[in-house]
PDB file of N, CA and C in Angstrom:
ATOM      1  N   MET A   1    -114.538-153.992  28.009  1.00  0.00           N
ATOM      2  CA  MET A   1    -115.184-154.823  29.012  1.00  0.00           C
ATOM      3  C   MET A   1    -116.324-154.020  29.635  1.00  0.00           C
ATOM      4  N   SER A   2    -117.490-154.608  29.683  1.00  0.00           N
ATOM      5  CA  SER A   2    -118.616-153.912  30.288  1.00  0.00           C
ATOM      6  C   SER A   2    -118.949-154.542  31.640  1.00  0.00           C
ATOM      7  N   ALA A   3    -119.455-153.738  32.530  1.00  0.00           N
ATOM      8  CA  ALA A   3    -119.810-154.207  33.859  1.00  0.00           C
ATOM      9  C   ALA A   3    -121.173-154.886  33.832  1.00  0.00           C
ATOM     10  N   GLU A   4    -121.332-155.895  34.682  1.00  0.00           N
ATOM     11  CA  GLU A   4    -122.638-156.523  34.822  1.00  0.00           C
ATOM     12  C   GLU A   4    -123.378-155.802  35.940  1.00  0.00           C
ATOM     13  N   VAL A   5    -124.595-155.391  35.672  1.00  0.00           N
ATOM     14  CA  VAL A   5    -125.394-154.662  36.645  1.00  0.00           C
ATOM     15  C   VAL A   5    -126.707-155.407  36.829  1.00  0.00           C
ATOM     16  N   PHE A   6    -127.143-155.526  38.078  1.00  0.00           N
ATOM     17  CA  PHE A   6    -128.375-156.235  38.388  1.00  0.00           C
ATOM     18  C   PHE A   6    -129.368-155.272  39.025  1.00  0.00           C
ATOM     19  N   GLY A   7    -130.653-155.509  38.804  1.00  0.00           N
ATOM     20  CA  GLY A   7    -131.694-154.658  39.371  1.00  0.00           C
ATOM     21  C   GLY A   7    -131.638-154.575  40.885  1.00  0.00           C
ATOM     22  N   SER A   8    -131.120-155.609  41.528  1.00  0.00           N
ATOM     23  CA  SER A   8    -131.034-155.620  42.989  1.00  0.00           C
ATOM     24  C   SER A   8    -129.698-155.066  43.483  1.00  0.00           C
ATOM     25  N   GLY A   9    -128.925-154.445  42.571  1.00  0.00           N
ATOM     26  CA  GLY A   9    -127.622-153.909  42.965  1.00  0.00           C
ATOM     27  C   GLY A   9    -126.711-155.032  43.426  1.00  0.00           C
ATOM     28  N   ASN A  10    -126.045-154.827  44.562  1.00  0.00           N
ATOM     29  CA  ASN A  10    -125.153-155.843  45.108  1.00  0.00           C
ATOM     30  C   ASN A  10    -125.791-156.645  46.232  1.00  0.00           C
ATOM     31  N   VAL A  11    -127.099-156.492  46.405  1.00  0.00           N
ATOM     32  CA  VAL A  11    -127.816-157.207  47.466  1.00  0.00           C
ATOM     33  C   VAL A  11    -128.134-158.630  46.989  1.00  0.00           C
ATOM     34  N   PRO A  12    -127.643-159.662  47.719  1.00  0.00           N
ATOM     35  CA  PRO A  12    -127.934-161.042  47.319  1.00  0.00           C
ATOM     36  C   PRO A  12    -129.435-161.347  47.362  1.00  0.00           C
ATOM     37  N   GLN A  13    -129.892-162.111  46.383  1.00  0.00           N
ATOM     38  CA  GLN A  13    -131.288-162.547  46.311  1.00  0.00           C
ATOM     39  C   GLN A  13    -131.316-164.070  46.287  1.00  0.00           C
ATOM     40  N   LYS A  14    -132.383-164.671  46.787  1.00  0.00           N
ATOM     41  CA  LYS A  14    -132.497-166.134  46.788  1.00  0.00           C
ATOM     42  C   LYS A  14    -132.424-166.712  45.384  1.00  0.00           C
ATOM     43  N   SER A  15    -132.863-165.974  44.390  1.00  0.00           N
ATOM     44  CA  SER A  15    -132.899-166.467  43.016  1.00  0.00           C
ATOM     45  C   SER A  15    -131.574-166.285  42.274  1.00  0.00           C
ATOM     46  N   ASP A  16    -130.569-165.664  42.889  1.00  0.00           N
ATOM     47  CA  ASP A  16    -129.288-165.428  42.226  1.00  0.00           C
ATOM     48  C   ASP A  16    -128.547-166.732  41.946  1.00  0.00           C
ATOM     49  N   THR A  17    -127.942-166.800  40.765  1.00  0.00           N
ATOM     50  CA  THR A  17    -127.067-167.932  40.447  1.00  0.00           C
ATOM     51  C   THR A  17    -125.717-167.690  41.128  1.00  0.00           C
ATOM     52  N   MET A  18    -124.870-168.717  41.156  1.00  0.00           N
ATOM     53  CA  MET A  18    -123.539-168.559  41.754  1.00  0.00           C
ATOM     54  C   MET A  18    -122.757-167.464  41.028  1.00  0.00           C
ATOM     55  N   ARG A  19    -122.873-167.404  39.711  1.00  0.00           N
ATOM     56  CA  ARG A  19    -122.175-166.357  38.950  1.00  0.00           C
ATOM     57  C   ARG A  19    -122.653-164.977  39.364  1.00  0.00           C
ATOM     58  N   MET A  20    -123.966-164.815  39.504  1.00  0.00           N
ATOM     59  CA  MET A  20    -124.499-163.514  39.911  1.00  0.00           C
ATOM     60  C   MET A  20    -123.970-163.120  41.288  1.00  0.00           C
ATOM     61  N   LEU A  21    -123.923-164.085  42.205  1.00  0.00           N
ATOM     62  CA  LEU A  21    -123.412-163.782  43.535  1.00  0.00           C
ATOM     63  C   LEU A  21    -121.941-163.380  43.478  1.00  0.00           C
ATOM     64  N   LEU A  22    -121.157-164.076  42.666  1.00  0.00           N
ATOM     65  CA  LEU A  22    -119.746-163.742  42.533  1.00  0.00           C
ATOM     66  C   LEU A  22    -119.577-162.338  41.957  1.00  0.00           C
ATOM     67  N   VAL A  23    -120.321-162.028  40.911  1.00  0.00           N
ATOM     68  CA  VAL A  23    -120.229-160.699  40.298  1.00  0.00           C
ATOM     69  C   VAL A  23    -120.639-159.629  41.307  1.00  0.00           C
ATOM     70  N   LYS A  24    -121.685-159.892  42.082  1.00  0.00           N
ATOM     71  CA  LYS A  24    -122.115-158.921  43.094  1.00  0.00           C
ATOM     72  C   LYS A  24    -121.034-158.719  44.155  1.00  0.00           C
ATOM     73  N   ASP A  25    -120.379-159.824  44.560  1.00  0.00           N
ATOM     74  CA  ASP A  25    -119.286-159.712  45.535  1.00  0.00           C
ATOM     75  C   ASP A  25    -118.148-158.865  44.979  1.00  0.00           C
ATOM     76  N   VAL A  26    -117.753-159.159  43.751  1.00  0.00           N
ATOM     77  CA  VAL A  26    -116.645-158.417  43.137  1.00  0.00           C
ATOM     78  C   VAL A  26    -117.028-156.950  42.969  1.00  0.00           C
ATOM     79  N   ASN A  27    -118.244-156.673  42.506  1.00  0.00           N
ATOM     80  CA  ASN A  27    -118.696-155.290  42.365  1.00  0.00           C
ATOM     81  C   ASN A  27    -118.664-154.559  43.704  1.00  0.00           C
ATOM     82  N   ALA A  28    -119.097-155.229  44.765  1.00  0.00           N
ATOM     83  CA  ALA A  28    -119.108-154.601  46.085  1.00  0.00           C
ATOM     84  C   ALA A  28    -117.690-154.318  46.575  1.00  0.00           C
ATOM     85  N   ILE A  29    -116.761-155.220  46.262  1.00  0.00           N
ATOM     86  CA  ILE A  29    -115.374-155.026  46.689  1.00  0.00           C
ATOM     87  C   ILE A  29    -114.710-153.904  45.899  1.00  0.00           C
ATOM     88  N   LEU A  30    -114.923-153.887  44.599  1.00  0.00           N
ATOM     89  CA  LEU A  30    -114.273-152.887  43.758  1.00  0.00           C
ATOM     90  C   LEU A  30    -114.925-151.517  43.845  1.00  0.00           C
ATOM     91  N   ASN A  31    -116.179-151.476  44.258  1.00  0.00           N
ATOM     92  CA  ASN A  31    -116.906-150.210  44.349  1.00  0.00           C
ATOM     93  C   ASN A  31    -117.562-150.076  45.716  1.00  0.00           C
ATOM     94  N   PRO A  32    -116.745-149.986  46.780  1.00  0.00           N
ATOM     95  CA  PRO A  32    -117.343-149.905  48.112  1.00  0.00           C
ATOM     96  C   PRO A  32    -118.140-148.623  48.267  1.00  0.00           C
ATOM     97  N   GLY A  33    -119.122-148.696  49.089  1.00  0.00           N
ATOM     98  CA  GLY A  33    -119.941-147.520  49.336  1.00  0.00           C
ATOM     99  C   GLY A  33    -121.057-147.898  50.272  1.00  0.00           C
ATOM    100  N   GLY A  34    -121.940-147.001  50.492  1.00  0.00           N
ATOM    101  CA  GLY A  34    -123.076-147.305  51.348  1.00  0.00           C
ATOM    102  C   GLY A  34    -122.773-147.112  52.809  1.00  0.00           C
ATOM    103  N   GLY A  35    -123.537-147.812  53.637  1.00  0.00           N
ATOM    104  CA  GLY A  35    -123.534-147.644  55.086  1.00  0.00           C
ATOM    105  C   GLY A  35    -122.190-147.684  55.766  1.00  0.00           C
ATOM    106  N   GLY A  36    -122.148-147.151  56.951  1.00  0.00           N
ATOM    107  CA  GLY A  36    -120.949-146.898  57.731  1.00  0.00           C
ATOM    108  C   GLY A  36    -119.982-148.047  57.886  1.00  0.00           C
ATOM    109  N   GLY A  37    -118.791-147.699  58.253  1.00  0.00           N
ATOM    110  CA  GLY A  37    -117.768-148.667  58.559  1.00  0.00           C
ATOM    111  C   GLY A  37    -117.000-149.186  57.365  1.00  0.00           C
ATOM    112  N   GLY A  38    -117.399-148.825  56.167  1.00  0.00           N
ATOM    113  CA  GLY A  38    -116.727-149.315  54.977  1.00  0.00           C
ATOM    114  C   GLY A  38    -115.331-148.751  54.834  1.00  0.00           C
ATOM    115  N   GLY A  39    -114.583-149.329  53.949  1.00  0.00           N
ATOM    116  CA  GLY A  39    -113.246-148.833  53.694  1.00  0.00           C
ATOM    117  C   GLY A  39    -112.684-149.493  52.463  1.00  0.00           C
ATOM    118  N   ALA A  40    -111.447-149.208  52.176  1.00  0.00           N
ATOM    119  CA  ALA A  40    -110.795-149.791  51.017  1.00  0.00           C
ATOM    120  C   ALA A  40    -110.622-151.284  51.217  1.00  0.00           C
ATOM    121  N   SER A  41    -110.674-152.010  50.132  1.00  0.00           N
ATOM    122  CA  SER A  41    -110.491-153.454  50.214  1.00  0.00           C
ATOM    123  C   SER A  41    -109.202-153.850  49.518  1.00  0.00           C
ATOM    124  N   GLY A  42    -108.704-155.031  49.861  1.00  0.00           N
ATOM    125  CA  GLY A  42    -107.440-155.499  49.323  1.00  0.00           C
ATOM    126  C   GLY A  42    -107.559-156.124  47.955  1.00  0.00           C
ATOM    127  N   GLY A  43    -108.618-156.852  47.691  1.00  0.00           N
ATOM    128  CA  GLY A  43    -108.783-157.442  46.381  1.00  0.00           C
ATOM    129  C   GLY A  43    -109.230-158.885  46.417  1.00  0.00           C
ATOM    130  N   VAL A  44    -109.400-159.416  45.221  1.00  0.00           N
ATOM    131  CA  VAL A  44    -109.832-160.785  45.036  1.00  0.00           C
ATOM    132  C   VAL A  44    -108.726-161.507  44.292  1.00  0.00           C
ATOM    133  N   TYR A  45    -108.323-162.681  44.800  1.00  0.00           N
ATOM    134  CA  TYR A  45    -107.196-163.415  44.249  1.00  0.00           C
ATOM    135  C   TYR A  45    -107.596-164.865  43.986  1.00  0.00           C
ATOM    136  N   ALA A  46    -106.892-165.512  43.095  1.00  0.00           N
ATOM    137  CA  ALA A  46    -107.077-166.944  42.849  1.00  0.00           C
ATOM    138  C   ALA A  46    -105.721-167.525  42.517  1.00  0.00           C
ATOM    139  N   GLY A  47    -105.460-168.719  43.026  1.00  0.00           N
ATOM    140  CA  GLY A  47    -104.203-169.374  42.727  1.00  0.00           C
ATOM    141  C   GLY A  47    -104.185-170.772  43.312  1.00  0.00           C
ATOM    142  N   ASN A  48    -103.207-171.560  42.899  1.00  0.00           N
ATOM    143  CA  ASN A  48    -103.050-172.909  43.422  1.00  0.00           C
ATOM    144  C   ASN A  48    -102.206-172.831  44.688  1.00  0.00           C
ATOM    145  N   TYR A  49    -102.860-172.942  45.839  1.00  0.00           N
ATOM    146  CA  TYR A  49    -102.179-172.870  47.133  1.00  0.00           C
ATOM    147  C   TYR A  49    -101.981-174.266  47.717  1.00  0.00           C
ATOM    148  N   SER A  50    -102.209-175.287  46.908  1.00  0.00           N
ATOM    149  CA  SER A  50    -102.001-176.701  47.278  1.00  0.00           C
ATOM    150  C   SER A  50    -102.710-177.092  48.570  1.00  0.00           C
ATOM    151  N   GLY A  51    -103.889-176.578  48.790  1.00  0.00           N
ATOM    152  CA  GLY A  51    -104.663-176.930  49.978  1.00  0.00           C
ATOM    153  C   GLY A  51    -104.288-176.147  51.217  1.00  0.00           C
ATOM    154  N   GLY A  52    -103.264-175.305  51.151  1.00  0.00           N
ATOM    155  CA  GLY A  52    -102.860-174.498  52.299  1.00  0.00           C
ATOM    156  C   GLY A  52    -103.352-173.071  52.149  1.00  0.00           C
ATOM    157  N   GLN A  53    -103.085-172.278  53.171  1.00  0.00           N
ATOM    158  CA  GLN A  53    -103.523-170.884  53.089  1.00  0.00           C
ATOM    159  C   GLN A  53    -102.662-170.120  52.089  1.00  0.00           C
ATOM    160  N   PRO A  54    -103.191-169.039  51.523  1.00  0.00           N
ATOM    161  CA  PRO A  54    -102.425-168.255  50.564  1.00  0.00           C
ATOM    162  C   PRO A  54    -101.123-167.740  51.195  1.00  0.00           C
ATOM    163  N   PRO A  55    -100.027-167.752  50.426  1.00  0.00           N
ATOM    164  CA  PRO A  55     -98.717-167.387  50.965  1.00  0.00           C
ATOM    165  C   PRO A  55     -98.373-165.902  50.862  1.00  0.00           C
ATOM    166  N   PHE A  56     -99.356-165.031  50.989  1.00  0.00           N
ATOM    167  CA  PHE A  56     -99.094-163.599  50.883  1.00  0.00           C
ATOM    168  C   PHE A  56    -100.066-162.832  51.771  1.00  0.00           C
ATOM    169  N   THR A  57     -99.777-161.567  51.979  1.00  0.00           N
ATOM    170  CA  THR A  57    -100.656-160.669  52.728  1.00  0.00           C
ATOM    171  C   THR A  57    -101.208-159.651  51.735  1.00  0.00           C
ATOM    172  N   PRO A  58    -102.529-159.503  51.663  1.00  0.00           N
ATOM    173  CA  PRO A  58    -103.088-158.506  50.743  1.00  0.00           C
ATOM    174  C   PRO A  58    -102.547-157.113  51.094  1.00  0.00           C
ATOM    175  N   PRO A  59    -102.251-156.294  50.091  1.00  0.00           N
ATOM    176  CA  PRO A  59    -101.617-155.006  50.332  1.00  0.00           C
ATOM    177  C   PRO A  59    -102.400-154.041  51.227  1.00  0.00           C
ATOM    178  N   LEU A  60    -103.722-154.118  51.209  1.00  0.00           N
ATOM    179  CA  LEU A  60    -104.506-153.201  52.045  1.00  0.00           C
ATOM    180  C   LEU A  60    -105.059-153.881  53.296  1.00  0.00           C
ATOM    181  N   GLY A  61    -104.582-155.088  53.579  1.00  0.00           N
ATOM    182  CA  GLY A  61    -104.983-155.765  54.808  1.00  0.00           C
ATOM    183  C   GLY A  61    -106.319-156.469  54.758  1.00  0.00           C
ATOM    184  N   ALA A  62    -106.925-156.591  53.575  1.00  0.00           N
ATOM    185  CA  ALA A  62    -108.185-157.315  53.431  1.00  0.00           C
ATOM    186  C   ALA A  62    -108.208-157.956  52.061  1.00  0.00           C
ATOM    187  N   GLY A  63    -108.814-159.141  51.968  1.00  0.00           N
ATOM    188  CA  GLY A  63    -108.893-159.780  50.670  1.00  0.00           C
ATOM    189  C   GLY A  63    -109.590-161.126  50.717  1.00  0.00           C
ATOM    190  N   ILE A  64    -109.902-161.617  49.538  1.00  0.00           N
ATOM    191  CA  ILE A  64    -110.528-162.919  49.365  1.00  0.00           C
ATOM    192  C   ILE A  64    -109.667-163.684  48.366  1.00  0.00           C
ATOM    193  N   ALA A  65    -109.348-164.932  48.684  1.00  0.00           N
ATOM    194  CA  ALA A  65    -108.539-165.747  47.778  1.00  0.00           C
ATOM    195  C   ALA A  65    -109.189-167.116  47.616  1.00  0.00           C
ATOM    196  N   THR A  66    -109.226-167.612  46.394  1.00  0.00           N
ATOM    197  CA  THR A  66    -109.747-168.940  46.110  1.00  0.00           C
ATOM    198  C   THR A  66    -108.599-169.847  45.721  1.00  0.00           C
ATOM    199  N   ASP A  67    -108.501-170.995  46.392  1.00  0.00           N
ATOM    200  CA  ASP A  67    -107.484-171.997  46.069  1.00  0.00           C
ATOM    201  C   ASP A  67    -108.015-172.802  44.898  1.00  0.00           C
ATOM    202  N   THR A  68    -107.365-172.673  43.741  1.00  0.00           N
ATOM    203  CA  THR A  68    -107.850-173.356  42.540  1.00  0.00           C
ATOM    204  C   THR A  68    -107.628-174.864  42.586  1.00  0.00           C
ATOM    205  N   SER A  69    -106.837-175.354  43.544  1.00  0.00           N
ATOM    206  CA  SER A  69    -106.646-176.800  43.640  1.00  0.00           C
ATOM    207  C   SER A  69    -107.742-177.475  44.460  1.00  0.00           C
ATOM    208  N   THR A  70    -108.421-176.722  45.320  1.00  0.00           N
ATOM    209  CA  THR A  70    -109.453-177.309  46.177  1.00  0.00           C
ATOM    210  C   THR A  70    -110.800-176.607  46.077  1.00  0.00           C
ATOM    211  N   GLY A  71    -110.814-175.373  45.579  1.00  0.00           N
ATOM    212  CA  GLY A  71    -112.043-174.588  45.532  1.00  0.00           C
ATOM    213  C   GLY A  71    -112.334-173.859  46.830  1.00  0.00           C
ATOM    214  N   ARG A  72    -111.463-174.014  47.831  1.00  0.00           N
ATOM    215  CA  ARG A  72    -111.697-173.361  49.120  1.00  0.00           C
ATOM    216  C   ARG A  72    -111.519-171.859  48.989  1.00  0.00           C
ATOM    217  N   GLN A  73    -112.428-171.114  49.629  1.00  0.00           N
ATOM    218  CA  GLN A  73    -112.314-169.661  49.673  1.00  0.00           C
ATOM    219  C   GLN A  73    -111.700-169.250  51.000  1.00  0.00           C
ATOM    220  N   TRP A  74    -110.675-168.421  50.948  1.00  0.00           N
ATOM    221  CA  TRP A  74    -110.017-167.878  52.124  1.00  0.00           C
ATOM    222  C   TRP A  74    -110.365-166.399  52.237  1.00  0.00           C
ATOM    223  N   ASN A  75    -110.542-165.930  53.457  1.00  0.00           N
ATOM    224  CA  ASN A  75    -110.786-164.517  53.718  1.00  0.00           C
ATOM    225  C   ASN A  75    -109.679-163.988  54.622  1.00  0.00           C
ATOM    226  N   PHE A  76    -109.058-162.885  54.236  1.00  0.00           N
ATOM    227  CA  PHE A  76    -108.016-162.300  55.076  1.00  0.00           C
ATOM    228  C   PHE A  76    -108.697-161.303  55.997  1.00  0.00           C
ATOM    229  N   TYR A  77    -108.650-161.586  57.289  1.00  0.00           N
ATOM    230  CA  TYR A  77    -109.376-160.789  58.271  1.00  0.00           C
ATOM    231  C   TYR A  77    -108.547-160.704  59.550  1.00  0.00           C
ATOM    232  N   SER A  78    -108.398-159.532  60.088  1.00  0.00           N
ATOM    233  CA  SER A  78    -107.685-159.324  61.354  1.00  0.00           C
ATOM    234  C   SER A  78    -106.263-159.876  61.306  1.00  0.00           C
ATOM    235  N   GLY A  79    -105.621-159.733  60.160  1.00  0.00           N
ATOM    236  CA  GLY A  79    -104.225-160.119  60.019  1.00  0.00           C
ATOM    237  C   GLY A  79    -103.959-161.592  59.746  1.00  0.00           C
ATOM    238  N   VAL A  80    -105.008-162.398  59.523  1.00  0.00           N
ATOM    239  CA  VAL A  80    -104.808-163.813  59.237  1.00  0.00           C
ATOM    240  C   VAL A  80    -105.788-164.292  58.163  1.00  0.00           C
ATOM    241  N   TRP A  81    -105.392-165.358  57.457  1.00  0.00           N
ATOM    242  CA  TRP A  81    -106.298-166.012  56.497  1.00  0.00           C
ATOM    243  C   TRP A  81    -107.186-166.975  57.269  1.00  0.00           C
ATOM    244  N   VAL A  82    -108.478-166.862  57.093  1.00  0.00           N
ATOM    245  CA  VAL A  82    -109.438-167.775  57.743  1.00  0.00           C
ATOM    246  C   VAL A  82    -110.374-168.346  56.696  1.00  0.00           C
TER     247      VAL A  82
END
């Protein structure tokens, strides 16, 4: 498996497709770095949560989950899914 790399790094551009934005998000999560305040991330998840919030807590206290039944994206922040 090879990584997708863009000339703009992980910085979103107006011309980016949805796929490019997703890849940039995943790259930024899996390879954190750069300016202050960063830290380890919990991960990216997908599953059928039947329109409700994901039924788990990410192991490192941060994460992004997509409900495959609705397409809604959930973000785990400050101890809750929002």
